Amino acid sequence: MIFGLAINSLAFGIGNLVPMWGKGWRSDGAAILGYAFRKHTQPQNWHLSLLLSLARFGVRPAYWGARLIREIEKFEGTEEQNLLRDHLLLDHYYALGDVGKARLVIERVIRLPGQKSSSVLIAYAFLLAFADGNGLEAQKALGEVPQEYRNSFQYWRAMAVARYVSGDVEGAREAVKNALASVRREKGRPDRDDRALVTAIKKGLPLPKLIPRVAPA
């Protein structure tokens, strides 16, 4: 039975790589073909398209190559493309534990009119609490996040740190419970930095430092 499921999964995966288009949808093969086509027609968008494809196919942000990230850092496009660039860079810098570069991206985004999206507000709140120890301002930023976006792991992680650095240990532990519940619901897996953060809050220990890592070349 397991072998049969494996064969079916493989067949589905290969089938999904066949370029196909429909009304309002396309297969992954069509997406890849589109990215490859853009390489020759729109060179300035190629690196952003490639990074999007890595994210789409589940490559973790910490493993996005350093050379590709350097190209993305130099990329300038439309307002929408630049915002997408900044969100991808933010994911990468946090995954590497590079708080300094994450801060530069967040500060660049929040200066733009109308660009305080939920994900940016959550990232900003986490930075305020974790890097600056400003739990009150962090909770204020989280208060601007719409209700429908308050069920993610990132939201509750930021809330846990914000409460913890403000001295609300029990509130922080309650936020940790909600964060872990969201992980189970989303079938995600926290990285080692997140696990260390959760453990520290549960045990009442000082918050750990993010572990700086280097992206693969």
N, C-alpha and C. Protein backbone atom coordinates (compact mmCIF):
# COMPACT_ATOMS: atom_id res chain seq x y z
N MET A 1 0.83 -1.21 0.00
CA MET A 1 0.00 0.00 0.00
C MET A 1 0.86 1.26 0.00
N ILE A 2 1.91 1.25 0.87
CA ILE A 2 2.80 2.42 0.93
C ILE A 2 3.50 2.62 -0.41
N PHE A 3 3.92 1.48 -1.03
CA PHE A 3 4.60 1.56 -2.32
C PHE A 3 3.65 2.16 -3.36
N GLY A 4 2.38 1.75 -3.31
CA GLY A 4 1.39 2.26 -4.25
C GLY A 4 1.19 3.75 -4.08
N LEU A 5 1.13 4.21 -2.81
CA LEU A 5 0.98 5.63 -2.56
C LEU A 5 2.18 6.40 -3.07
N ALA A 6 3.37 5.81 -2.89
CA ALA A 6 4.59 6.48 -3.35
C ALA A 6 4.57 6.64 -4.87
N ILE A 7 4.15 5.58 -5.58
CA ILE A 7 4.08 5.63 -7.04
C ILE A 7 3.07 6.69 -7.49
N ASN A 8 1.91 6.71 -6.80
CA ASN A 8 0.88 7.69 -7.15
C ASN A 8 1.39 9.11 -6.93
N SER A 9 2.10 9.32 -5.79
CA SER A 9 2.63 10.65 -5.49
C SER A 9 3.66 11.07 -6.53
N LEU A 10 4.52 10.11 -6.93
CA LEU A 10 5.54 10.40 -7.94
C LEU A 10 4.89 10.75 -9.27
N ALA A 11 3.86 9.98 -9.63
CA ALA A 11 3.18 10.23 -10.90
C ALA A 11 2.51 11.60 -10.88
N PHE A 12 1.90 11.93 -9.75
CA PHE A 12 1.25 13.24 -9.64
C PHE A 12 2.29 14.35 -9.74
N GLY A 13 3.43 14.16 -9.04
CA GLY A 13 4.48 15.17 -9.06
C GLY A 13 5.02 15.39 -10.45
N ILE A 14 5.27 14.29 -11.18
CA ILE A 14 5.79 14.41 -12.55
C ILE A 14 4.75 15.06 -13.45
N GLY A 15 3.50 14.63 -13.27
CA GLY A 15 2.42 15.21 -14.07
C GLY A 15 2.28 16.70 -13.86
N ASN A 16 2.52 17.14 -12.63
CA ASN A 16 2.39 18.56 -12.31
C ASN A 16 3.50 19.39 -12.93
N LEU A 17 4.58 18.72 -13.36
CA LEU A 17 5.67 19.44 -14.02
C LEU A 17 5.44 19.62 -15.51
N VAL A 18 4.38 18.99 -16.04
CA VAL A 18 4.03 19.20 -17.45
C VAL A 18 3.40 20.58 -17.59
N PRO A 19 3.92 21.44 -18.49
CA PRO A 19 3.36 22.79 -18.62
C PRO A 19 1.90 22.74 -19.09
N MET A 20 0.98 23.20 -18.26
CA MET A 20 -0.44 23.25 -18.60
C MET A 20 -1.03 24.54 -18.07
N TRP A 21 -1.94 25.11 -18.83
CA TRP A 21 -2.60 26.34 -18.42
C TRP A 21 -4.11 26.14 -18.46
N GLY A 22 -4.81 26.81 -17.59
CA GLY A 22 -6.26 26.81 -17.59
C GLY A 22 -6.75 28.18 -17.18
N LYS A 23 -8.05 28.36 -17.12
CA LYS A 23 -8.60 29.65 -16.74
C LYS A 23 -8.33 29.92 -15.26
N GLY A 24 -7.42 30.85 -15.00
CA GLY A 24 -7.12 31.22 -13.61
C GLY A 24 -6.16 30.29 -12.90
N TRP A 25 -5.54 29.33 -13.60
CA TRP A 25 -4.59 28.44 -12.93
C TRP A 25 -3.51 28.01 -13.92
N ARG A 26 -2.43 27.48 -13.37
CA ARG A 26 -1.37 26.90 -14.20
C ARG A 26 -0.63 25.87 -13.37
N SER A 27 -0.07 24.87 -14.03
CA SER A 27 0.69 23.84 -13.32
C SER A 27 2.04 24.40 -12.92
N ASP A 28 2.75 23.64 -12.03
CA ASP A 28 4.09 24.09 -11.64
C ASP A 28 5.04 24.09 -12.84
N GLY A 29 4.82 23.15 -13.76
CA GLY A 29 5.64 23.12 -14.97
C GLY A 29 5.48 24.39 -15.78
N ALA A 30 4.23 24.89 -15.85
CA ALA A 30 3.98 26.15 -16.56
C ALA A 30 4.66 27.31 -15.86
N ALA A 31 4.64 27.26 -14.51
CA ALA A 31 5.30 28.34 -13.76
C ALA A 31 6.80 28.34 -14.03
N ILE A 32 7.42 27.15 -14.01
CA ILE A 32 8.86 27.05 -14.27
C ILE A 32 9.19 27.54 -15.67
N LEU A 33 8.34 27.13 -16.64
CA LEU A 33 8.56 27.57 -18.02
C LEU A 33 8.47 29.08 -18.11
N GLY A 34 7.51 29.65 -17.35
CA GLY A 34 7.36 31.10 -17.34
C GLY A 34 8.59 31.79 -16.78
N TYR A 35 9.15 31.23 -15.69
CA TYR A 35 10.36 31.80 -15.11
C TYR A 35 11.53 31.73 -16.10
N ALA A 36 11.66 30.58 -16.77
CA ALA A 36 12.75 30.41 -17.73
C ALA A 36 12.59 31.38 -18.90
N PHE A 37 11.33 31.56 -19.35
CA PHE A 37 11.08 32.47 -20.44
C PHE A 37 11.43 33.90 -20.06
N ARG A 38 11.11 34.26 -18.82
CA ARG A 38 11.40 35.61 -18.35
C ARG A 38 12.89 35.89 -18.33
N LYS A 39 13.68 34.82 -18.16
CA LYS A 39 15.14 35.02 -18.10
C LYS A 39 15.64 35.65 -19.38
N HIS A 40 14.98 35.31 -20.50
CA HIS A 40 15.45 35.81 -21.79
C HIS A 40 14.70 37.07 -22.22
N THR A 41 13.49 37.28 -21.66
CA THR A 41 12.70 38.42 -22.10
C THR A 41 12.77 39.60 -21.13
N GLN A 42 12.94 39.32 -19.85
CA GLN A 42 12.99 40.39 -18.85
C GLN A 42 14.12 40.10 -17.87
N PRO A 43 15.37 40.33 -18.27
CA PRO A 43 16.50 39.99 -17.40
C PRO A 43 16.43 40.63 -16.04
N GLN A 44 15.87 41.86 -15.95
CA GLN A 44 15.83 42.55 -14.66
C GLN A 44 14.91 41.86 -13.67
N ASN A 45 14.00 41.01 -14.15
CA ASN A 45 13.08 40.32 -13.26
C ASN A 45 13.50 38.88 -12.98
N TRP A 46 14.54 38.42 -13.65
CA TRP A 46 14.88 37.01 -13.57
C TRP A 46 15.22 36.55 -12.15
N HIS A 47 16.03 37.30 -11.46
CA HIS A 47 16.45 36.88 -10.13
C HIS A 47 15.28 36.85 -9.15
N LEU A 48 14.39 37.83 -9.26
CA LEU A 48 13.21 37.84 -8.39
C LEU A 48 12.31 36.66 -8.72
N SER A 49 12.15 36.35 -10.01
CA SER A 49 11.33 35.20 -10.40
C SER A 49 11.93 33.90 -9.90
N LEU A 50 13.25 33.79 -9.98
CA LEU A 50 13.92 32.58 -9.51
C LEU A 50 13.74 32.41 -8.00
N LEU A 51 13.88 33.51 -7.26
CA LEU A 51 13.71 33.43 -5.81
C LEU A 51 12.27 33.05 -5.45
N LEU A 52 11.31 33.58 -6.19
CA LEU A 52 9.91 33.22 -5.98
C LEU A 52 9.69 31.73 -6.22
N SER A 53 10.36 31.20 -7.24
CA SER A 53 10.20 29.77 -7.53
C SER A 53 10.79 28.92 -6.41
N LEU A 54 11.92 29.34 -5.83
CA LEU A 54 12.50 28.61 -4.70
C LEU A 54 11.54 28.61 -3.51
N ALA A 55 10.95 29.77 -3.23
CA ALA A 55 10.00 29.88 -2.12
C ALA A 55 8.78 29.01 -2.39
N ARG A 56 8.31 29.03 -3.64
CA ARG A 56 7.12 28.27 -4.00
C ARG A 56 7.33 26.78 -3.84
N PHE A 57 8.51 26.30 -4.18
CA PHE A 57 8.78 24.87 -4.12
C PHE A 57 9.35 24.43 -2.77
N GLY A 58 9.24 25.29 -1.77
CA GLY A 58 9.53 24.88 -0.40
C GLY A 58 10.99 24.93 0.01
N VAL A 59 11.86 25.60 -0.75
CA VAL A 59 13.25 25.74 -0.33
C VAL A 59 13.29 26.74 0.82
N ARG A 60 13.86 26.35 1.94
CA ARG A 60 13.85 27.21 3.13
C ARG A 60 14.68 28.48 2.90
N PRO A 61 14.19 29.61 3.45
CA PRO A 61 14.87 30.89 3.22
C PRO A 61 16.35 30.89 3.58
N ALA A 62 16.75 30.11 4.59
CA ALA A 62 18.16 30.08 4.98
C ALA A 62 19.04 29.50 3.88
N TYR A 63 18.44 28.73 2.96
CA TYR A 63 19.22 28.06 1.92
C TYR A 63 19.13 28.76 0.57
N TRP A 64 18.53 29.95 0.54
CA TRP A 64 18.58 30.71 -0.70
C TRP A 64 20.00 31.22 -0.87
N GLY A 65 20.60 30.95 -1.99
CA GLY A 65 22.01 31.21 -2.20
C GLY A 65 22.44 32.66 -2.00
N ALA A 66 23.64 32.85 -1.46
CA ALA A 66 24.15 34.20 -1.18
C ALA A 66 24.27 35.02 -2.46
N ARG A 67 24.68 34.38 -3.56
CA ARG A 67 24.84 35.12 -4.82
C ARG A 67 23.49 35.64 -5.32
N LEU A 68 22.46 34.79 -5.20
CA LEU A 68 21.12 35.20 -5.62
C LEU A 68 20.61 36.34 -4.74
N ILE A 69 20.85 36.23 -3.44
CA ILE A 69 20.41 37.29 -2.52
C ILE A 69 21.11 38.61 -2.84
N ARG A 70 22.38 38.56 -3.19
CA ARG A 70 23.09 39.80 -3.54
C ARG A 70 22.45 40.47 -4.76
N GLU A 71 21.99 39.65 -5.72
CA GLU A 71 21.32 40.20 -6.89
C GLU A 71 19.97 40.80 -6.50
N ILE A 72 19.26 40.13 -5.60
CA ILE A 72 17.95 40.63 -5.16
C ILE A 72 18.11 41.94 -4.40
N GLU A 73 19.18 42.05 -3.62
CA GLU A 73 19.43 43.29 -2.87
C GLU A 73 19.60 44.48 -3.81
N LYS A 74 20.11 44.23 -5.01
CA LYS A 74 20.33 45.32 -5.97
C LYS A 74 19.11 45.58 -6.84
N PHE A 75 18.12 44.68 -6.77
CA PHE A 75 16.97 44.77 -7.67
C PHE A 75 16.10 45.98 -7.37
N GLU A 76 15.70 46.68 -8.43
CA GLU A 76 14.73 47.78 -8.32
C GLU A 76 13.71 47.60 -9.42
N GLY A 77 12.44 47.53 -9.04
CA GLY A 77 11.38 47.36 -10.03
C GLY A 77 10.20 48.24 -9.71
N THR A 78 9.01 47.71 -9.96
CA THR A 78 7.81 48.45 -9.64
C THR A 78 7.63 48.47 -8.12
N GLU A 79 6.70 49.27 -7.64
CA GLU A 79 6.43 49.35 -6.20
C GLU A 79 6.04 47.97 -5.66
N GLU A 80 5.20 47.25 -6.41
CA GLU A 80 4.76 45.92 -5.98
C GLU A 80 5.92 44.94 -5.94
N GLN A 81 6.80 44.99 -6.96
CA GLN A 81 7.96 44.11 -7.01
C GLN A 81 8.93 44.41 -5.88
N ASN A 82 9.12 45.69 -5.59
CA ASN A 82 10.04 46.06 -4.51
C ASN A 82 9.53 45.60 -3.15
N LEU A 83 8.21 45.68 -2.96
CA LEU A 83 7.64 45.21 -1.70
C LEU A 83 7.81 43.70 -1.57
N LEU A 84 7.60 42.99 -2.67
CA LEU A 84 7.80 41.54 -2.68
C LEU A 84 9.26 41.22 -2.40
N ARG A 85 10.17 41.96 -3.03
CA ARG A 85 11.61 41.80 -2.78
C ARG A 85 11.92 41.93 -1.29
N ASP A 86 11.36 42.96 -0.67
CA ASP A 86 11.65 43.21 0.75
C ASP A 86 11.10 42.11 1.65
N HIS A 87 9.93 41.58 1.32
CA HIS A 87 9.37 40.48 2.11
C HIS A 87 10.24 39.24 2.01
N LEU A 88 10.73 38.94 0.82
CA LEU A 88 11.59 37.77 0.62
C LEU A 88 12.93 37.96 1.35
N LEU A 89 13.49 39.15 1.25
CA LEU A 89 14.75 39.43 1.94
C LEU A 89 14.57 39.33 3.45
N LEU A 90 13.45 39.80 3.94
CA LEU A 90 13.18 39.74 5.37
C LEU A 90 13.13 38.29 5.85
N ASP A 91 12.45 37.43 5.10
CA ASP A 91 12.40 36.01 5.45
C ASP A 91 13.81 35.42 5.50
N HIS A 92 14.63 35.79 4.53
CA HIS A 92 15.99 35.26 4.44
C HIS A 92 16.85 35.74 5.61
N TYR A 93 16.81 37.04 5.92
CA TYR A 93 17.66 37.57 6.99
C TYR A 93 17.27 37.01 8.35
N TYR A 94 15.98 36.86 8.60
CA TYR A 94 15.56 36.27 9.87
C TYR A 94 16.01 34.82 9.97
N ALA A 95 15.92 34.11 8.84
CA ALA A 95 16.34 32.70 8.84
C ALA A 95 17.82 32.57 9.13
N LEU A 96 18.60 33.58 8.74
CA LEU A 96 20.05 33.57 9.00
C LEU A 96 20.41 34.19 10.35
N GLY A 97 19.42 34.74 11.04
CA GLY A 97 19.71 35.39 12.31
C GLY A 97 20.37 36.74 12.14
N ASP A 98 20.22 37.36 10.97
CA ASP A 98 20.85 38.65 10.70
C ASP A 98 19.86 39.77 11.03
N VAL A 99 19.79 40.14 12.32
CA VAL A 99 18.84 41.15 12.78
C VAL A 99 19.13 42.51 12.17
N GLY A 100 20.41 42.84 11.99
CA GLY A 100 20.79 44.14 11.44
C GLY A 100 20.20 44.38 10.06
N LYS A 101 20.35 43.41 9.17
CA LYS A 101 19.82 43.56 7.82
C LYS A 101 18.30 43.50 7.82
N ALA A 102 17.74 42.68 8.70
CA ALA A 102 16.28 42.62 8.80
C ALA A 102 15.73 43.99 9.21
N ARG A 103 16.41 44.64 10.14
CA ARG A 103 15.97 45.97 10.59
C ARG A 103 15.98 46.96 9.43
N LEU A 104 17.02 46.95 8.61
CA LEU A 104 17.11 47.89 7.49
C LEU A 104 15.95 47.70 6.53
N VAL A 105 15.60 46.43 6.28
CA VAL A 105 14.48 46.15 5.36
C VAL A 105 13.17 46.65 5.95
N ILE A 106 12.92 46.33 7.21
CA ILE A 106 11.66 46.73 7.85
C ILE A 106 11.53 48.24 7.88
N GLU A 107 12.60 48.93 8.26
CA GLU A 107 12.54 50.38 8.34
C GLU A 107 12.32 51.01 6.97
N ARG A 108 12.85 50.36 5.94
CA ARG A 108 12.62 50.86 4.58
C ARG A 108 11.15 50.69 4.19
N VAL A 109 10.56 49.57 4.55
CA VAL A 109 9.18 49.29 4.17
C VAL A 109 8.19 50.16 4.93
N ILE A 110 8.38 50.30 6.24
CA ILE A 110 7.38 51.04 7.02
C ILE A 110 7.41 52.54 6.73
N ARG A 111 8.48 53.01 6.07
CA ARG A 111 8.51 54.43 5.68
C ARG A 111 7.64 54.70 4.45
N LEU A 112 7.31 53.62 3.71
CA LEU A 112 6.51 53.78 2.50
C LEU A 112 5.04 53.97 2.88
N PRO A 113 4.36 54.94 2.27
CA PRO A 113 2.94 55.16 2.60
C PRO A 113 2.07 53.96 2.22
N GLY A 114 1.23 53.54 3.15
CA GLY A 114 0.28 52.47 2.87
C GLY A 114 0.87 51.08 2.77
N GLN A 115 2.11 50.87 3.22
CA GLN A 115 2.75 49.57 3.08
C GLN A 115 2.86 48.81 4.39
N LYS A 116 2.13 49.22 5.42
CA LYS A 116 2.18 48.49 6.68
C LYS A 116 1.28 47.26 6.62
N SER A 117 1.69 46.28 5.86
CA SER A 117 0.92 45.05 5.77
C SER A 117 1.02 44.29 7.09
N SER A 118 0.16 43.30 7.26
CA SER A 118 0.15 42.53 8.50
C SER A 118 1.50 41.86 8.76
N SER A 119 2.08 41.27 7.72
CA SER A 119 3.36 40.58 7.90
C SER A 119 4.47 41.55 8.30
N VAL A 120 4.44 42.76 7.73
CA VAL A 120 5.46 43.76 8.07
C VAL A 120 5.26 44.24 9.51
N LEU A 121 4.02 44.47 9.91
CA LEU A 121 3.75 44.89 11.29
C LEU A 121 4.21 43.84 12.30
N ILE A 122 3.96 42.57 11.97
CA ILE A 122 4.37 41.48 12.87
C ILE A 122 5.89 41.41 12.96
N ALA A 123 6.55 41.51 11.80
CA ALA A 123 8.02 41.49 11.79
C ALA A 123 8.59 42.68 12.55
N TYR A 124 7.96 43.83 12.38
CA TYR A 124 8.40 45.04 13.07
C TYR A 124 8.24 44.89 14.59
N ALA A 125 7.10 44.33 15.01
CA ALA A 125 6.85 44.12 16.44
C ALA A 125 7.87 43.15 17.04
N PHE A 126 8.18 42.08 16.31
CA PHE A 126 9.15 41.12 16.80
C PHE A 126 10.52 41.78 16.97
N LEU A 127 10.88 42.61 16.00
CA LEU A 127 12.16 43.31 16.07
C LEU A 127 12.21 44.27 17.26
N LEU A 128 11.12 45.02 17.47
CA LEU A 128 11.06 45.94 18.60
C LEU A 128 11.23 45.21 19.92
N ALA A 129 10.55 44.05 20.04
CA ALA A 129 10.60 43.31 21.30
C ALA A 129 11.91 42.57 21.47
N PHE A 130 12.33 41.86 20.44
CA PHE A 130 13.48 40.97 20.57
C PHE A 130 14.80 41.74 20.55
N ALA A 131 14.94 42.65 19.60
CA ALA A 131 16.22 43.35 19.45
C ALA A 131 16.34 44.57 20.36
N ASP A 132 15.19 45.28 20.55
CA ASP A 132 15.23 46.52 21.33
C ASP A 132 14.70 46.37 22.74
N GLY A 133 14.04 45.25 23.03
CA GLY A 133 13.48 45.05 24.37
C GLY A 133 12.30 45.96 24.67
N ASN A 134 11.66 46.48 23.62
CA ASN A 134 10.56 47.42 23.80
C ASN A 134 9.22 46.68 23.62
N GLY A 135 8.80 46.00 24.67
CA GLY A 135 7.60 45.19 24.59
C GLY A 135 6.32 45.99 24.42
N LEU A 136 6.25 47.17 25.03
CA LEU A 136 5.03 47.98 24.94
C LEU A 136 4.79 48.48 23.52
N GLU A 137 5.85 48.98 22.88
CA GLU A 137 5.72 49.44 21.49
C GLU A 137 5.42 48.27 20.57
N ALA A 138 6.01 47.11 20.88
CA ALA A 138 5.76 45.91 20.07
C ALA A 138 4.29 45.51 20.14
N GLN A 139 3.72 45.52 21.35
CA GLN A 139 2.31 45.17 21.50
C GLN A 139 1.40 46.20 20.83
N LYS A 140 1.84 47.44 20.83
CA LYS A 140 1.09 48.49 20.15
C LYS A 140 1.06 48.21 18.64
N ALA A 141 2.20 47.81 18.08
CA ALA A 141 2.27 47.47 16.65
C ALA A 141 1.39 46.26 16.34
N LEU A 142 1.42 45.26 17.21
CA LEU A 142 0.60 44.07 17.01
C LEU A 142 -0.88 44.39 17.10
N GLY A 143 -1.23 45.42 17.86
CA GLY A 143 -2.62 45.84 17.96
C GLY A 143 -3.18 46.35 16.65
N GLU A 144 -2.29 46.75 15.71
CA GLU A 144 -2.73 47.23 14.40
C GLU A 144 -2.98 46.08 13.42
N VAL A 145 -2.58 44.87 13.79
CA VAL A 145 -2.77 43.72 12.90
C VAL A 145 -4.25 43.33 12.89
N PRO A 146 -4.89 43.23 11.72
CA PRO A 146 -6.30 42.84 11.66
C PRO A 146 -6.54 41.48 12.32
N GLN A 147 -7.74 41.30 12.86
CA GLN A 147 -8.07 40.09 13.62
C GLN A 147 -7.83 38.82 12.82
N GLU A 148 -8.14 38.86 11.52
CA GLU A 148 -8.03 37.64 10.71
C GLU A 148 -6.60 37.18 10.49
N TYR A 149 -5.62 38.03 10.85
CA TYR A 149 -4.21 37.67 10.68
C TYR A 149 -3.53 37.36 12.02
N ARG A 150 -4.33 37.14 13.05
CA ARG A 150 -3.75 36.92 14.37
C ARG A 150 -3.67 35.45 14.78
N ASN A 151 -3.71 34.55 13.82
CA ASN A 151 -3.65 33.13 14.15
C ASN A 151 -2.35 32.48 13.70
N SER A 152 -1.42 33.26 13.20
CA SER A 152 -0.19 32.68 12.67
C SER A 152 0.85 32.47 13.77
N PHE A 153 1.79 31.60 13.50
CA PHE A 153 2.90 31.37 14.43
C PHE A 153 3.69 32.66 14.62
N GLN A 154 3.92 33.40 13.53
CA GLN A 154 4.73 34.62 13.61
C GLN A 154 4.08 35.66 14.52
N TYR A 155 2.75 35.77 14.44
CA TYR A 155 2.04 36.73 15.29
C TYR A 155 2.21 36.36 16.76
N TRP A 156 1.96 35.10 17.09
CA TRP A 156 2.01 34.70 18.50
C TRP A 156 3.44 34.65 19.03
N ARG A 157 4.41 34.38 18.15
CA ARG A 157 5.82 34.43 18.58
C ARG A 157 6.17 35.87 18.96
N ALA A 158 5.79 36.82 18.11
CA ALA A 158 6.06 38.23 18.41
C ALA A 158 5.35 38.66 19.70
N MET A 159 4.11 38.22 19.87
CA MET A 159 3.36 38.57 21.07
C MET A 159 4.01 37.96 22.32
N ALA A 160 4.47 36.73 22.21
CA ALA A 160 5.12 36.07 23.35
C ALA A 160 6.35 36.86 23.80
N VAL A 161 7.18 37.26 22.84
CA VAL A 161 8.40 38.01 23.17
C VAL A 161 8.04 39.38 23.72
N ALA A 162 7.05 40.03 23.11
CA ALA A 162 6.64 41.36 23.57
C ALA A 162 6.16 41.32 25.02
N ARG A 163 5.36 40.33 25.35
CA ARG A 163 4.87 40.21 26.72
C ARG A 163 6.00 39.84 27.69
N TYR A 164 6.89 38.99 27.23
CA TYR A 164 7.96 38.50 28.09
C TYR A 164 8.89 39.64 28.50
N VAL A 165 9.30 40.46 27.51
CA VAL A 165 10.23 41.54 27.84
C VAL A 165 9.53 42.65 28.62
N SER A 166 8.17 42.64 28.61
CA SER A 166 7.41 43.61 29.41
C SER A 166 7.16 43.12 30.82
N GLY A 167 7.60 41.89 31.13
CA GLY A 167 7.43 41.34 32.47
C GLY A 167 6.18 40.51 32.66
N ASP A 168 5.37 40.33 31.59
CA ASP A 168 4.16 39.52 31.68
C ASP A 168 4.50 38.08 31.29
N VAL A 169 5.09 37.36 32.23
CA VAL A 169 5.57 36.01 31.94
C VAL A 169 4.42 35.05 31.64
N GLU A 170 3.36 35.11 32.43
CA GLU A 170 2.23 34.21 32.20
C GLU A 170 1.56 34.50 30.86
N GLY A 171 1.43 35.79 30.55
CA GLY A 171 0.86 36.16 29.25
C GLY A 171 1.74 35.67 28.11
N ALA A 172 3.06 35.72 28.31
CA ALA A 172 4.00 35.24 27.30
C ALA A 172 3.86 33.74 27.09
N ARG A 173 3.70 33.00 28.19
CA ARG A 173 3.54 31.55 28.08
C ARG A 173 2.23 31.17 27.39
N GLU A 174 1.21 31.97 27.64
CA GLU A 174 -0.07 31.73 26.95
C GLU A 174 0.09 31.98 25.45
N ALA A 175 0.86 33.01 25.10
CA ALA A 175 1.12 33.29 23.68
C ALA A 175 1.94 32.16 23.05
N VAL A 176 2.87 31.59 23.81
CA VAL A 176 3.65 30.45 23.31
C VAL A 176 2.73 29.27 23.01
N LYS A 177 1.76 29.02 23.88
CA LYS A 177 0.80 27.93 23.63
C LYS A 177 0.05 28.16 22.33
N ASN A 178 -0.37 29.40 22.11
CA ASN A 178 -1.07 29.72 20.87
C ASN A 178 -0.15 29.57 19.65
N ALA A 179 1.12 29.94 19.82
CA ALA A 179 2.08 29.81 18.73
C ALA A 179 2.28 28.34 18.35
N LEU A 180 2.42 27.49 19.36
CA LEU A 180 2.62 26.06 19.09
C LEU A 180 1.37 25.43 18.51
N ALA A 181 0.21 25.91 18.94
CA ALA A 181 -1.05 25.41 18.37
C ALA A 181 -1.14 25.76 16.89
N SER A 182 -0.68 26.97 16.53
CA SER A 182 -0.71 27.36 15.12
C SER A 182 0.26 26.53 14.30
N VAL A 183 1.39 26.14 14.90
CA VAL A 183 2.35 25.27 14.20
C VAL A 183 1.71 23.92 13.90
N ARG A 184 1.02 23.37 14.89
CA ARG A 184 0.36 22.07 14.67
C ARG A 184 -0.74 22.20 13.62
N ARG A 185 -1.46 23.30 13.67
CA ARG A 185 -2.55 23.51 12.71
C ARG A 185 -2.01 23.67 11.29
N GLU A 186 -0.90 24.38 11.16
CA GLU A 186 -0.32 24.62 9.84
C GLU A 186 0.66 23.53 9.43
N LYS A 187 0.89 22.56 10.31
CA LYS A 187 1.82 21.45 10.07
C LYS A 187 3.21 21.99 9.73
N GLY A 188 3.61 23.01 10.48
CA GLY A 188 4.93 23.60 10.28
C GLY A 188 5.95 23.00 11.23
N ARG A 189 7.17 23.53 11.17
CA ARG A 189 8.24 23.07 12.04
C ARG A 189 9.14 24.24 12.40
N PRO A 190 9.07 24.71 13.65
CA PRO A 190 9.92 25.84 14.05
C PRO A 190 11.41 25.51 13.88
N ASP A 191 12.21 26.53 13.53
CA ASP A 191 13.64 26.28 13.43
C ASP A 191 14.27 26.33 14.82
N ARG A 192 15.59 26.15 14.88
CA ARG A 192 16.24 26.03 16.19
C ARG A 192 16.19 27.32 16.99
N ASP A 193 16.20 28.48 16.28
CA ASP A 193 16.08 29.75 16.99
C ASP A 193 14.72 29.86 17.67
N ASP A 194 13.67 29.48 16.95
CA ASP A 194 12.33 29.54 17.52
C ASP A 194 12.17 28.56 18.67
N ARG A 195 12.75 27.40 18.52
CA ARG A 195 12.67 26.41 19.62
C ARG A 195 13.39 26.93 20.86
N ALA A 196 14.53 27.57 20.66
CA ALA A 196 15.28 28.12 21.80
C ALA A 196 14.48 29.25 22.46
N LEU A 197 13.81 30.05 21.65
CA LEU A 197 13.00 31.16 22.15
C LEU A 197 11.84 30.64 23.00
N VAL A 198 11.14 29.64 22.47
CA VAL A 198 10.00 29.05 23.17
C VAL A 198 10.45 28.42 24.50
N THR A 199 11.56 27.70 24.46
CA THR A 199 12.08 27.05 25.67
C THR A 199 12.44 28.07 26.74
N ALA A 200 13.07 29.17 26.33
CA ALA A 200 13.46 30.21 27.30
C ALA A 200 12.24 30.81 27.98
N ILE A 201 11.19 31.08 27.22
CA ILE A 201 9.98 31.67 27.79
C ILE A 201 9.29 30.67 28.71
N LYS A 202 9.23 29.43 28.30
CA LYS A 202 8.60 28.41 29.14
C LYS A 202 9.31 28.26 30.48
N LYS A 203 10.64 28.34 30.47
CA LYS A 203 11.43 28.10 31.67
C LYS A 203 11.79 29.39 32.43
N GLY A 204 11.37 30.54 31.89
CA GLY A 204 11.69 31.79 32.56
C GLY A 204 13.14 32.18 32.47
N LEU A 205 13.81 31.79 31.40
CA LEU A 205 15.24 32.09 31.22
C LEU A 205 15.42 33.35 30.37
N PRO A 206 16.62 33.93 30.36
CA PRO A 206 16.87 35.06 29.46
C PRO A 206 16.67 34.63 28.01
N LEU A 207 16.17 35.55 27.20
CA LEU A 207 15.94 35.22 25.79
C LEU A 207 17.28 34.97 25.10
N PRO A 208 17.34 33.95 24.24
CA PRO A 208 18.60 33.66 23.54
C PRO A 208 18.87 34.68 22.44
N LYS A 209 20.09 34.71 22.00
CA LYS A 209 20.45 35.52 20.84
C LYS A 209 20.18 34.71 19.59
N LEU A 210 19.80 35.41 18.51
CA LEU A 210 19.70 34.70 17.24
C LEU A 210 21.09 34.22 16.84
N ILE A 211 21.16 33.02 16.30
CA ILE A 211 22.44 32.45 15.91
C ILE A 211 22.77 32.86 14.48
N PRO A 212 23.75 33.74 14.27
CA PRO A 212 24.07 34.15 12.91
C PRO A 212 24.57 32.97 12.07
N ARG A 213 24.04 32.86 10.85
CA ARG A 213 24.48 31.80 9.96
C ARG A 213 24.84 32.43 8.61
N VAL A 214 25.52 31.67 7.80
CA VAL A 214 25.94 32.17 6.49
C VAL A 214 25.16 31.43 5.42
N ALA A 215 24.61 32.18 4.46
CA ALA A 215 23.88 31.54 3.37
C ALA A 215 24.86 30.80 2.48
N PRO A 216 24.44 29.67 1.88
CA PRO A 216 25.32 28.96 0.95
C PRO A 216 25.65 29.83 -0.25
N ALA A 217 26.82 29.68 -0.78
CA ALA A 217 27.26 30.49 -1.91
C ALA A 217 26.41 30.20 -3.13
